[in-house]
Amino acid sequence: YPSEKWDQYQILGKHNQQNLALCLAVLEKVSAPVLAKEALMSFKGLAHRMENLGSRNGILFVNDSKATSLD
């Protein structure tokens, strides 16, 4: 799916979007059901990991608090 635009993905972070694009390409190669692609395209990521909290006055607020946890 290289022709797809990055901004259509629900997940934040170019590195995450690139990983998602690879997964989508593999699904296409193995002729996976369309439902699998739809599930990936709607995946928003895990809570507290690059979680889009919304924007205000043009500023995007992202919760990445798990990136700093001791666990």
Protein backbone atom coordinates (compact mmCIF):
# COMPACT_ATOMS: atom_id res chain seq x y z
CA TYR A 1 0.00 0.00 0.00
CA PRO A 2 2.77 2.48 -0.75
CA SER A 3 0.42 4.90 -2.48
CA GLU A 4 -1.65 5.43 0.67
CA LYS A 5 -1.13 8.67 2.53
CA TRP A 6 0.32 8.57 6.04
CA ASP A 7 -2.35 10.89 7.46
CA GLN A 8 -5.09 8.32 6.93
CA TYR A 9 -3.66 6.08 9.64
CA GLN A 10 -5.16 6.39 13.11
CA ILE A 11 -1.86 5.63 14.84
CA LEU A 12 0.62 8.41 15.62
CA GLY A 13 4.32 8.47 14.82
CA LYS A 14 5.89 7.96 11.43
CA HIS A 15 7.75 4.89 12.70
CA ASN A 16 4.45 3.34 13.78
CA GLN A 17 2.86 4.26 10.46
CA GLN A 18 5.75 2.63 8.57
CA ASN A 19 5.33 -0.54 10.62
CA LEU A 20 1.62 -0.48 9.86
CA ALA A 21 2.32 -0.03 6.14
CA LEU A 22 4.57 -3.10 6.22
CA CYS A 23 1.85 -5.13 7.95
CA LEU A 24 -0.67 -4.02 5.34
CA ALA A 25 1.71 -5.02 2.52
CA VAL A 26 2.14 -8.48 4.07
CA LEU A 27 -1.63 -8.87 4.39
CA GLU A 28 -1.97 -7.99 0.71
CA LYS A 29 0.74 -10.48 -0.28
CA VAL A 30 -0.94 -13.35 1.57
CA SER A 31 -4.41 -12.38 0.32
CA ALA A 32 -5.73 -11.77 3.82
CA PRO A 33 -9.40 -10.83 4.25
CA VAL A 34 -10.33 -7.17 3.85
CA LEU A 35 -11.50 -7.22 7.47
CA ALA A 36 -7.88 -7.64 8.59
CA LYS A 37 -6.84 -4.49 6.72
CA GLU A 38 -9.81 -2.57 8.12
CA ALA A 39 -8.88 -3.63 11.66
CA LEU A 40 -5.32 -2.35 11.23
CA MET A 41 -6.47 0.90 9.65
CA SER A 42 -8.75 1.63 12.61
CA PHE A 43 -6.15 0.70 15.27
CA LYS A 44 -5.37 3.79 17.37
CA GLY A 45 -2.55 2.33 19.40
CA LEU A 46 -2.29 1.41 23.05
CA ALA A 47 -3.39 3.60 25.91
CA HIS A 48 -0.63 5.90 27.19
CA ARG A 49 1.59 5.12 24.17
CA MET A 50 1.57 7.96 21.63
CA GLU A 51 -2.13 8.39 22.46
CA ASN A 52 -3.76 11.30 20.63
CA LEU A 53 -5.63 13.35 23.22
CA GLY A 54 -6.81 15.93 20.71
CA SER A 55 -5.75 19.41 19.76
CA ARG A 56 -6.51 22.91 20.89
CA ASN A 57 -5.47 26.12 19.20
CA GLY A 58 -3.48 24.10 16.67
CA ILE A 59 -1.46 22.23 19.31
CA LEU A 60 -1.62 18.42 19.32
CA PHE A 61 -1.62 16.87 22.80
CA VAL A 62 -0.13 13.38 23.02
CA ASN A 63 -0.06 11.08 26.05
CA ASP A 64 3.13 9.01 26.00
CA SER A 65 3.37 8.53 29.75
CA LYS A 66 4.20 4.80 29.46
CA ALA A 67 7.45 5.74 27.71
CA THR A 68 8.72 7.11 31.01
CA SER A 69 7.46 4.43 33.43
CA LEU A 70 10.01 2.39 35.37
CA ASP A 71 8.41 -0.87 34.24
